[in-house]
N, C-alpha and C. Protein backbone atom coordinates (compact mmCIF):
# COMPACT_ATOMS: atom_id res chain seq x y z
N MET A 1 89.49 134.47 36.90
CA MET A 1 90.24 134.92 35.75
C MET A 1 89.45 135.97 34.97
N ARG A 2 88.10 135.75 34.86
CA ARG A 2 87.26 136.68 34.14
C ARG A 2 87.30 138.06 34.79
N ALA A 3 87.27 138.07 36.14
CA ALA A 3 87.30 139.36 36.85
C ALA A 3 88.61 140.10 36.59
N ILE A 4 89.71 139.35 36.55
CA ILE A 4 91.01 139.96 36.28
C ILE A 4 91.02 140.55 34.88
N LEU A 5 90.50 139.79 33.91
CA LEU A 5 90.46 140.26 32.53
C LEU A 5 89.60 141.52 32.41
N ILE A 6 88.43 141.52 33.06
CA ILE A 6 87.57 142.70 33.00
C ILE A 6 88.25 143.88 33.65
N LEU A 7 88.93 143.64 34.80
CA LEU A 7 89.61 144.72 35.49
C LEU A 7 90.72 145.31 34.62
N ILE A 8 91.45 144.45 33.93
CA ILE A 8 92.53 144.91 33.07
C ILE A 8 91.96 145.65 31.86
N CYS A 9 90.87 145.13 31.29
CA CYS A 9 90.30 145.72 30.08
C CYS A 9 89.46 146.96 30.37
N SER A 10 88.93 147.08 31.58
CA SER A 10 88.03 148.19 31.89
C SER A 10 88.65 149.55 31.62
N PRO A 11 89.86 149.87 32.10
CA PRO A 11 90.40 151.19 31.81
C PRO A 11 90.57 151.44 30.32
N GLY A 12 90.94 150.42 29.57
CA GLY A 12 91.10 150.58 28.13
C GLY A 12 89.77 150.86 27.45
N SER A 13 88.71 150.19 27.92
CA SER A 13 87.41 150.42 27.30
C SER A 13 86.91 151.83 27.61
N LEU A 14 87.31 152.38 28.75
CA LEU A 14 86.90 153.75 29.07
C LEU A 14 87.53 154.73 28.10
N PHE A 15 88.78 154.52 27.73
CA PHE A 15 89.45 155.42 26.81
C PHE A 15 88.95 155.21 25.38
N CYS A 16 88.70 153.97 25.00
CA CYS A 16 88.27 153.68 23.64
C CYS A 16 86.83 154.10 23.39
N SER A 17 86.01 154.15 24.44
CA SER A 17 84.60 154.45 24.22
C SER A 17 84.37 155.89 23.77
N ALA A 18 85.39 156.73 23.85
CA ALA A 18 85.23 158.10 23.41
C ALA A 18 85.27 158.21 21.89
N GLN A 19 85.68 157.15 21.22
CA GLN A 19 85.76 157.16 19.76
C GLN A 19 84.43 156.68 19.18
N TYR A 20 83.93 157.39 18.19
CA TYR A 20 82.68 156.99 17.56
C TYR A 20 82.99 156.09 16.36
N PRO A 21 82.19 155.04 16.17
CA PRO A 21 82.45 154.15 15.04
C PRO A 21 82.18 154.87 13.73
N SER A 22 82.95 154.52 12.72
CA SER A 22 82.74 155.12 11.40
C SER A 22 81.59 154.38 10.71
N SER A 23 81.08 154.97 9.64
CA SER A 23 80.01 154.32 8.88
C SER A 23 80.51 153.02 8.31
N GLY A 24 79.61 152.10 8.18
CA GLY A 24 80.01 150.81 7.64
C GLY A 24 78.81 149.97 7.28
N ASP A 25 79.06 148.75 6.93
CA ASP A 25 78.00 147.83 6.54
C ASP A 25 77.29 147.28 7.77
N THR A 26 75.99 147.11 7.64
CA THR A 26 75.21 146.47 8.68
C THR A 26 75.38 144.97 8.53
N LEU A 27 75.59 144.28 9.64
CA LEU A 27 75.72 142.83 9.57
C LEU A 27 74.37 142.22 9.23
N ALA A 28 74.33 141.46 8.18
CA ALA A 28 73.11 140.78 7.78
C ALA A 28 73.28 139.29 8.08
N LYS A 29 72.17 138.57 7.97
CA LYS A 29 72.29 137.13 8.17
C LYS A 29 73.30 136.60 7.17
N GLY A 30 74.12 135.75 7.63
CA GLY A 30 75.13 135.22 6.74
C GLY A 30 76.12 134.40 7.52
N ARG A 31 77.13 134.02 6.86
CA ARG A 31 78.15 133.21 7.47
C ARG A 31 79.43 134.03 7.53
N PHE A 32 80.05 134.05 8.70
CA PHE A 32 81.27 134.82 8.88
C PHE A 32 82.42 133.88 9.18
N ASP A 33 83.57 134.17 8.65
CA ASP A 33 84.74 133.32 8.90
C ASP A 33 85.54 133.90 10.07
N THR A 34 84.84 134.23 11.13
CA THR A 34 85.48 134.82 12.29
C THR A 34 85.05 134.06 13.54
N VAL A 35 85.81 134.19 14.59
CA VAL A 35 85.50 133.50 15.83
C VAL A 35 84.43 134.26 16.61
N PHE A 36 84.47 135.60 16.57
CA PHE A 36 83.46 136.38 17.27
C PHE A 36 83.30 137.75 16.63
N VAL A 37 82.18 138.38 16.94
CA VAL A 37 81.87 139.72 16.46
C VAL A 37 81.54 140.57 17.68
N GLN A 38 82.07 141.78 17.76
CA GLN A 38 81.71 142.69 18.84
C GLN A 38 80.62 143.63 18.35
N ILE A 39 79.59 143.75 19.17
CA ILE A 39 78.47 144.64 18.87
C ILE A 39 78.59 145.85 19.78
N ARG A 40 78.57 147.04 19.19
CA ARG A 40 78.68 148.27 19.96
C ARG A 40 77.51 149.18 19.61
N ASN A 41 77.02 149.89 20.62
CA ASN A 41 75.90 150.79 20.39
C ASN A 41 75.97 151.93 21.39
N ARG A 42 75.79 153.16 20.93
CA ARG A 42 75.80 154.32 21.81
C ARG A 42 74.39 154.87 22.04
N ALA A 43 73.37 154.27 21.46
CA ALA A 43 72.01 154.77 21.59
C ALA A 43 71.20 154.00 22.63
N SER A 44 71.39 152.68 22.69
CA SER A 44 70.58 151.86 23.60
C SER A 44 71.31 150.56 23.90
N PHE A 45 70.76 149.82 24.87
CA PHE A 45 71.30 148.50 25.16
C PHE A 45 70.18 147.55 25.57
N PRO A 46 70.29 146.28 25.16
CA PRO A 46 69.29 145.29 25.55
C PRO A 46 69.70 144.62 26.86
N PHE A 47 68.72 144.37 27.72
CA PHE A 47 68.99 143.63 28.95
C PHE A 47 67.70 142.97 29.40
N CYS A 48 67.73 141.67 29.56
CA CYS A 48 66.58 140.88 30.01
C CYS A 48 65.34 141.15 29.16
N SER A 49 65.51 141.15 27.87
CA SER A 49 64.41 141.27 26.91
C SER A 49 63.76 142.66 26.89
N SER A 50 64.44 143.65 27.44
CA SER A 50 63.98 145.04 27.37
C SER A 50 65.11 145.87 26.76
N THR A 51 64.76 147.00 26.19
CA THR A 51 65.75 147.90 25.63
C THR A 51 65.76 149.19 26.44
N TYR A 52 66.96 149.62 26.83
CA TYR A 52 67.15 150.82 27.64
C TYR A 52 67.90 151.86 26.81
N SER A 53 67.42 153.08 26.83
CA SER A 53 68.08 154.17 26.11
C SER A 53 69.29 154.64 26.88
N LEU A 54 70.35 154.93 26.16
CA LEU A 54 71.55 155.52 26.76
C LEU A 54 71.41 157.04 26.73
N PRO A 55 72.09 157.74 27.64
CA PRO A 55 71.95 159.20 27.70
C PRO A 55 72.40 159.89 26.41
N ASP A 56 71.76 161.02 26.12
CA ASP A 56 72.15 161.89 25.00
C ASP A 56 73.07 162.98 25.53
N GLY A 57 73.65 163.74 24.65
CA GLY A 57 74.43 164.92 25.05
C GLY A 57 75.83 164.60 25.52
N CYS A 58 76.49 163.67 24.87
CA CYS A 58 77.86 163.32 25.21
C CYS A 58 78.78 164.51 24.92
N SER A 59 79.55 164.92 25.93
CA SER A 59 80.55 165.97 25.75
C SER A 59 81.60 165.83 26.83
N GLU A 60 82.71 166.53 26.67
CA GLU A 60 83.80 166.44 27.65
C GLU A 60 83.35 166.90 29.03
N ASP A 61 82.47 167.88 29.09
CA ASP A 61 82.01 168.35 30.40
C ASP A 61 80.83 167.54 30.93
N ARG A 62 80.35 166.56 30.19
CA ARG A 62 79.27 165.66 30.64
C ARG A 62 79.66 164.21 30.36
N PRO A 63 80.76 163.71 30.96
CA PRO A 63 81.22 162.35 30.66
C PRO A 63 80.23 161.27 31.08
N GLU A 64 79.33 161.58 32.03
CA GLU A 64 78.33 160.59 32.43
C GLU A 64 77.33 160.32 31.32
N ASN A 65 77.27 161.19 30.31
CA ASN A 65 76.39 160.99 29.16
C ASN A 65 77.09 160.30 27.99
N CYS A 66 78.37 160.01 28.14
CA CYS A 66 79.13 159.35 27.09
C CYS A 66 79.23 157.87 27.44
N CYS A 67 78.23 157.11 27.04
CA CYS A 67 78.16 155.69 27.39
C CYS A 67 78.01 154.85 26.13
N GLY A 68 78.44 153.61 26.21
CA GLY A 68 78.31 152.71 25.08
C GLY A 68 78.11 151.28 25.53
N TYR A 69 77.29 150.56 24.79
CA TYR A 69 77.01 149.15 25.03
C TYR A 69 77.98 148.31 24.22
N LEU A 70 78.45 147.22 24.80
CA LEU A 70 79.35 146.29 24.11
C LEU A 70 78.96 144.87 24.45
N ALA A 71 78.84 144.04 23.43
CA ALA A 71 78.61 142.60 23.61
C ALA A 71 79.43 141.85 22.58
N THR A 72 79.87 140.69 22.95
CA THR A 72 80.63 139.83 22.04
C THR A 72 79.78 138.62 21.72
N VAL A 73 79.58 138.37 20.44
CA VAL A 73 78.81 137.21 20.00
C VAL A 73 79.78 136.29 19.27
N ARG A 74 79.86 135.07 19.75
CA ARG A 74 80.78 134.11 19.16
C ARG A 74 80.18 133.44 17.92
N LYS A 75 81.01 132.79 17.17
CA LYS A 75 80.60 132.15 15.92
C LYS A 75 79.41 131.22 16.18
N ASN A 76 78.41 131.30 15.32
CA ASN A 76 77.20 130.50 15.37
C ASN A 76 76.33 130.77 16.59
N GLN A 77 76.62 131.82 17.35
CA GLN A 77 75.82 132.17 18.52
C GLN A 77 74.72 133.11 18.07
N LYS A 78 73.50 132.88 18.52
CA LYS A 78 72.35 133.69 18.10
C LYS A 78 72.04 134.83 19.07
N VAL A 79 72.47 134.69 20.33
CA VAL A 79 72.18 135.71 21.33
C VAL A 79 73.45 136.04 22.11
N ALA A 80 73.48 137.24 22.67
CA ALA A 80 74.60 137.64 23.52
C ALA A 80 74.36 137.09 24.92
N THR A 81 75.32 136.36 25.45
CA THR A 81 75.18 135.77 26.78
C THR A 81 75.78 136.64 27.87
N GLU A 82 76.38 137.74 27.47
CA GLU A 82 76.93 138.71 28.41
C GLU A 82 77.00 140.06 27.72
N GLY A 83 77.13 141.10 28.50
CA GLY A 83 77.22 142.44 27.92
C GLY A 83 77.69 143.44 28.96
N SER A 84 77.96 144.64 28.50
CA SER A 84 78.37 145.70 29.42
C SER A 84 78.05 147.06 28.82
N VAL A 85 77.85 148.02 29.72
CA VAL A 85 77.69 149.42 29.33
C VAL A 85 78.74 150.19 30.11
N GLY A 86 79.64 150.84 29.42
CA GLY A 86 80.68 151.64 30.05
C GLY A 86 80.51 153.11 29.72
N CYS A 87 80.80 153.95 30.70
CA CYS A 87 80.66 155.40 30.52
C CYS A 87 82.01 156.08 30.77
N ASP A 88 82.21 157.22 30.13
CA ASP A 88 83.48 157.93 30.21
C ASP A 88 83.78 158.50 31.59
N ASN A 89 82.81 158.50 32.50
CA ASN A 89 83.06 159.01 33.85
C ASN A 89 83.62 157.92 34.77
N GLY A 90 83.98 156.77 34.22
CA GLY A 90 84.61 155.72 35.01
C GLY A 90 83.64 154.73 35.62
N THR A 91 82.43 154.64 35.10
CA THR A 91 81.46 153.66 35.59
C THR A 91 81.17 152.62 34.51
N MET A 92 80.81 151.42 34.96
CA MET A 92 80.49 150.35 34.04
C MET A 92 79.54 149.36 34.71
N LEU A 93 78.51 148.95 34.00
CA LEU A 93 77.64 147.87 34.44
C LEU A 93 77.84 146.71 33.48
N SER A 94 78.17 145.54 34.02
CA SER A 94 78.32 144.36 33.17
C SER A 94 77.51 143.22 33.75
N TRP A 95 77.13 142.30 32.89
CA TRP A 95 76.30 141.18 33.31
C TRP A 95 76.65 139.93 32.53
N VAL A 96 76.32 138.80 33.16
CA VAL A 96 76.47 137.49 32.54
C VAL A 96 75.17 136.74 32.79
N TYR A 97 74.55 136.24 31.73
CA TYR A 97 73.33 135.45 31.88
C TYR A 97 73.69 134.04 32.31
N CYS A 98 72.82 133.45 33.13
CA CYS A 98 73.03 132.09 33.63
C CYS A 98 71.78 131.26 33.36
N ARG A 99 71.92 129.95 33.46
CA ARG A 99 70.80 129.04 33.19
C ARG A 99 69.70 129.10 34.24
N ASP A 100 70.10 129.31 35.51
CA ASP A 100 69.13 129.29 36.60
C ASP A 100 69.63 130.15 37.76
N ALA A 101 68.83 130.23 38.82
CA ALA A 101 69.18 131.05 39.98
C ALA A 101 70.46 130.57 40.65
N GLY A 102 70.65 129.25 40.71
CA GLY A 102 71.86 128.69 41.30
C GLY A 102 73.10 129.10 40.52
N GLY A 103 73.01 129.10 39.21
CA GLY A 103 74.13 129.51 38.37
C GLY A 103 74.45 130.98 38.54
N ALA A 104 73.40 131.81 38.69
CA ALA A 104 73.61 133.25 38.89
C ALA A 104 74.31 133.49 40.23
N ARG A 105 73.88 132.79 41.27
CA ARG A 105 74.51 132.95 42.58
C ARG A 105 75.97 132.48 42.54
N TYR A 106 76.21 131.36 41.85
CA TYR A 106 77.58 130.83 41.73
C TYR A 106 78.47 131.84 41.00
N SER A 107 77.98 132.42 39.92
CA SER A 107 78.75 133.42 39.17
C SER A 107 79.06 134.63 40.05
N PHE A 108 78.08 135.08 40.80
CA PHE A 108 78.24 136.20 41.73
C PHE A 108 79.31 135.88 42.78
N GLU A 109 79.22 134.72 43.40
CA GLU A 109 80.19 134.35 44.44
C GLU A 109 81.59 134.18 43.87
N SER A 110 81.70 133.58 42.68
CA SER A 110 83.01 133.39 42.06
C SER A 110 83.69 134.71 41.76
N THR A 111 82.95 135.63 41.19
CA THR A 111 83.50 136.95 40.88
C THR A 111 83.95 137.66 42.15
N THR A 112 83.10 137.59 43.17
CA THR A 112 83.42 138.24 44.44
C THR A 112 84.69 137.66 45.04
N ASN A 113 84.80 136.33 45.06
CA ASN A 113 85.99 135.68 45.63
C ASN A 113 87.25 136.01 44.84
N GLN A 114 87.15 136.06 43.52
CA GLN A 114 88.31 136.39 42.70
C GLN A 114 88.77 137.81 42.96
N TYR A 115 87.85 138.75 42.99
CA TYR A 115 88.19 140.15 43.21
C TYR A 115 88.75 140.35 44.61
N ALA A 116 88.12 139.71 45.61
CA ALA A 116 88.57 139.85 47.00
C ALA A 116 89.97 139.26 47.20
N GLY A 117 90.33 138.26 46.39
CA GLY A 117 91.63 137.62 46.51
C GLY A 117 92.76 138.33 45.77
N MET A 118 92.45 139.40 45.07
CA MET A 118 93.49 140.13 44.33
C MET A 118 94.37 140.92 45.29
N PRO A 119 95.61 141.16 44.92
CA PRO A 119 96.49 141.98 45.76
C PRO A 119 95.89 143.37 46.00
N HIS A 120 96.10 143.89 47.18
CA HIS A 120 95.69 145.24 47.57
C HIS A 120 94.17 145.41 47.66
N SER A 121 93.44 144.29 47.80
CA SER A 121 92.00 144.38 47.98
C SER A 121 91.66 144.48 49.45
N LEU A 122 90.70 145.32 49.77
CA LEU A 122 90.23 145.44 51.13
C LEU A 122 89.12 144.42 51.36
N PRO A 123 88.82 144.07 52.60
CA PRO A 123 87.77 143.07 52.85
C PRO A 123 86.45 143.49 52.22
N ARG A 124 85.72 142.50 51.73
CA ARG A 124 84.43 142.78 51.10
C ARG A 124 83.40 143.12 52.18
N LYS A 125 82.47 144.00 51.82
CA LYS A 125 81.41 144.41 52.72
C LYS A 125 80.08 143.90 52.18
N PRO A 126 79.35 143.09 52.97
CA PRO A 126 78.02 142.67 52.52
C PRO A 126 77.07 143.86 52.45
N VAL A 127 76.19 143.84 51.48
CA VAL A 127 75.22 144.92 51.30
C VAL A 127 73.94 144.31 50.71
N LYS A 128 72.82 144.90 51.04
CA LYS A 128 71.55 144.48 50.44
C LYS A 128 71.29 145.35 49.22
N CYS A 129 71.03 144.71 48.12
CA CYS A 129 70.76 145.42 46.87
C CYS A 129 69.30 145.21 46.48
N LEU A 130 68.85 146.05 45.59
CA LEU A 130 67.58 145.85 44.91
C LEU A 130 67.90 145.72 43.43
N VAL A 131 67.53 144.58 42.86
CA VAL A 131 67.72 144.33 41.44
C VAL A 131 66.32 144.23 40.85
N PHE A 132 65.96 145.20 40.03
CA PHE A 132 64.59 145.32 39.53
C PHE A 132 63.60 145.24 40.69
N CYS A 133 63.88 145.98 41.75
CA CYS A 133 63.03 146.10 42.94
C CYS A 133 62.90 144.80 43.74
N GLN A 134 63.73 143.81 43.46
CA GLN A 134 63.75 142.57 44.25
C GLN A 134 65.01 142.56 45.09
N GLU A 135 64.86 142.24 46.39
CA GLU A 135 66.01 142.23 47.28
C GLU A 135 67.00 141.13 46.87
N ALA A 136 68.28 141.46 46.94
CA ALA A 136 69.34 140.51 46.57
C ALA A 136 70.58 140.78 47.43
N ASP A 137 71.32 139.72 47.71
CA ASP A 137 72.59 139.87 48.40
C ASP A 137 73.60 140.51 47.46
N GLY A 138 74.51 141.26 48.03
CA GLY A 138 75.56 141.88 47.24
C GLY A 138 76.78 142.13 48.09
N TYR A 139 77.85 142.53 47.43
CA TYR A 139 79.08 142.89 48.12
C TYR A 139 79.64 144.16 47.52
N LEU A 140 80.20 144.99 48.38
CA LEU A 140 80.98 146.15 47.96
C LEU A 140 82.43 145.79 48.17
N LEU A 141 83.24 145.98 47.15
CA LEU A 141 84.66 145.67 47.23
C LEU A 141 85.47 146.88 46.79
N GLU A 142 86.64 146.99 47.35
CA GLU A 142 87.52 148.12 47.05
C GLU A 142 88.93 147.57 46.83
N ARG A 143 89.63 148.15 45.88
CA ARG A 143 90.99 147.70 45.58
C ARG A 143 91.87 148.91 45.29
N GLU A 144 93.05 148.91 45.87
CA GLU A 144 94.01 149.98 45.61
C GLU A 144 94.79 149.63 44.34
N LEU A 145 94.84 150.57 43.40
CA LEU A 145 95.51 150.33 42.13
C LEU A 145 96.91 150.92 42.08
N GLY A 146 97.26 151.73 43.04
CA GLY A 146 98.56 152.40 43.03
C GLY A 146 98.40 153.87 42.68
N ASN A 147 99.40 154.66 42.98
CA ASN A 147 99.37 156.10 42.73
C ASN A 147 98.15 156.77 43.35
N GLY A 148 97.65 156.22 44.46
CA GLY A 148 96.50 156.80 45.13
C GLY A 148 95.16 156.52 44.46
N ARG A 149 95.16 155.76 43.38
CA ARG A 149 93.92 155.43 42.67
C ARG A 149 93.29 154.18 43.27
N LYS A 150 91.96 154.13 43.21
CA LYS A 150 91.22 152.98 43.71
C LYS A 150 90.17 152.56 42.69
N SER A 151 89.76 151.31 42.81
CA SER A 151 88.69 150.76 42.00
C SER A 151 87.63 150.22 42.95
N PHE A 152 86.36 150.46 42.64
CA PHE A 152 85.26 150.03 43.49
C PHE A 152 84.33 149.13 42.69
N LEU A 153 83.81 148.11 43.35
CA LEU A 153 82.95 147.13 42.68
C LEU A 153 81.76 146.82 43.57
N LEU A 154 80.58 146.86 42.99
CA LEU A 154 79.36 146.38 43.62
C LEU A 154 78.92 145.18 42.80
N THR A 155 78.83 144.02 43.42
CA THR A 155 78.46 142.82 42.70
C THR A 155 77.23 142.19 43.35
N THR A 156 76.33 141.66 42.52
CA THR A 156 75.10 141.05 42.99
C THR A 156 74.57 140.12 41.89
N TYR A 157 73.38 139.62 42.08
CA TYR A 157 72.76 138.75 41.07
C TYR A 157 71.25 138.88 41.18
N GLY A 158 70.53 138.39 40.18
CA GLY A 158 69.08 138.48 40.23
C GLY A 158 68.42 137.80 39.06
N SER A 159 67.13 138.07 38.92
CA SER A 159 66.36 137.53 37.81
C SER A 159 65.32 138.57 37.38
N HIS A 160 64.95 138.52 36.11
CA HIS A 160 63.96 139.45 35.57
C HIS A 160 63.49 138.92 34.22
N ASN A 161 62.18 138.96 33.99
CA ASN A 161 61.60 138.52 32.72
C ASN A 161 62.04 137.10 32.31
N GLY A 162 62.26 136.24 33.30
CA GLY A 162 62.66 134.86 33.01
C GLY A 162 64.15 134.68 32.78
N PHE A 163 64.95 135.72 32.95
CA PHE A 163 66.40 135.65 32.79
C PHE A 163 67.05 135.63 34.18
N TYR A 164 68.13 134.89 34.32
CA TYR A 164 68.95 134.87 35.53
C TYR A 164 70.32 135.43 35.16
N PHE A 165 70.92 136.21 36.07
CA PHE A 165 72.17 136.88 35.72
C PHE A 165 72.93 137.28 36.97
N SER A 166 74.23 137.49 36.79
CA SER A 166 75.04 138.15 37.81
C SER A 166 75.37 139.54 37.27
N LEU A 167 75.48 140.51 38.18
CA LEU A 167 75.73 141.90 37.81
C LEU A 167 76.98 142.41 38.50
N GLU A 168 77.72 143.25 37.80
CA GLU A 168 78.87 143.94 38.38
C GLU A 168 78.76 145.42 38.00
N TYR A 169 78.82 146.27 39.02
CA TYR A 169 78.86 147.71 38.78
C TYR A 169 80.22 148.20 39.26
N ARG A 170 80.99 148.80 38.37
CA ARG A 170 82.34 149.28 38.68
C ARG A 170 82.36 150.80 38.60
N SER A 171 83.22 151.37 39.45
CA SER A 171 83.35 152.82 39.45
C SER A 171 84.74 153.20 39.94
N ILE A 172 85.19 154.37 39.51
CA ILE A 172 86.45 154.90 40.03
C ILE A 172 86.18 155.78 41.25
N LYS A 173 84.90 155.93 41.60
CA LYS A 173 84.49 156.68 42.79
C LYS A 173 83.86 155.72 43.79
N THR A 174 83.91 156.09 45.06
CA THR A 174 83.35 155.27 46.12
C THR A 174 81.88 154.96 45.87
N ILE A 175 81.49 153.72 46.17
CA ILE A 175 80.09 153.30 46.07
C ILE A 175 79.62 152.97 47.49
N THR A 176 78.68 153.75 48.00
CA THR A 176 78.12 153.45 49.32
C THR A 176 76.60 153.49 49.33
N THR A 177 76.00 154.31 48.47
CA THR A 177 74.54 154.42 48.41
C THR A 177 74.10 154.40 46.95
N THR A 178 72.80 154.36 46.76
CA THR A 178 72.24 154.39 45.41
C THR A 178 72.64 155.66 44.67
N ASP A 179 72.81 156.76 45.39
CA ASP A 179 73.22 158.02 44.75
C ASP A 179 74.59 157.90 44.07
N ASP A 180 75.40 156.93 44.47
CA ASP A 180 76.72 156.73 43.87
C ASP A 180 76.66 155.90 42.60
N ILE A 181 75.49 155.40 42.26
CA ILE A 181 75.30 154.61 41.05
C ILE A 181 74.84 155.54 39.94
N GLN A 182 75.43 155.39 38.78
CA GLN A 182 75.08 156.21 37.60
C GLN A 182 73.56 156.13 37.37
N PRO A 183 72.88 157.25 37.13
CA PRO A 183 71.42 157.25 36.96
C PRO A 183 70.90 156.25 35.92
N ILE A 184 71.58 156.07 34.81
CA ILE A 184 71.11 155.14 33.79
C ILE A 184 70.99 153.72 34.33
N PHE A 185 71.83 153.36 35.30
CA PHE A 185 71.83 152.01 35.85
C PHE A 185 70.88 151.83 37.03
N ARG A 186 70.38 152.92 37.58
CA ARG A 186 69.48 152.83 38.75
C ARG A 186 68.14 152.20 38.40
N GLN A 187 67.77 152.15 37.12
CA GLN A 187 66.54 151.47 36.74
C GLN A 187 66.67 149.96 36.92
N ILE A 188 67.90 149.48 37.04
CA ILE A 188 68.17 148.06 37.19
C ILE A 188 68.64 147.75 38.61
N LEU A 189 69.53 148.57 39.15
CA LEU A 189 70.25 148.27 40.38
C LEU A 189 70.22 149.44 41.35
N SER A 190 69.99 149.13 42.64
CA SER A 190 70.12 150.14 43.69
C SER A 190 70.58 149.45 44.97
N ILE A 191 70.93 150.26 45.96
CA ILE A 191 71.40 149.76 47.25
C ILE A 191 70.36 150.12 48.30
N GLN A 192 70.02 149.17 49.18
CA GLN A 192 69.04 149.46 50.24
C GLN A 192 69.68 150.23 51.35
């Protein structure tokens, strides 16, 4: 279900990410009468206890530089348990933190099975990935969306700095080699 929701929301997030947030109040410690808060950032993103800079120079002729981080923090939650970085060129890296390596593998397999079971999906292709330079199993999946459009997904899992996670890299362009992965994400993920 999560994969379906992300797939449905992904195109919308690509269009919405072109809008810059207006000035406003910084969230301070306090109590909010809301179920969740969305955190957005166009300068950097946190992942596995490190901070990564997002590209500068966002413009219509450089959509690969128009990227934004998004995380949802639920009421009384102190840390983001999932996040994503989407770029205007049709790429997105998303992750879900897990308690242990078994949970990360389960999340990876569940996402893969859900995506592979969707209508108009082509058979998944096993691939060896490098996640923070550690070898990991992965799958390349392709789905026809209609009107000649396709969606591509590279899914894998790993660990880094004591964190366990599943990763999904989405693109509107074919993914076959590391060169097909957005440069900002290659510091985390590559294909062998």
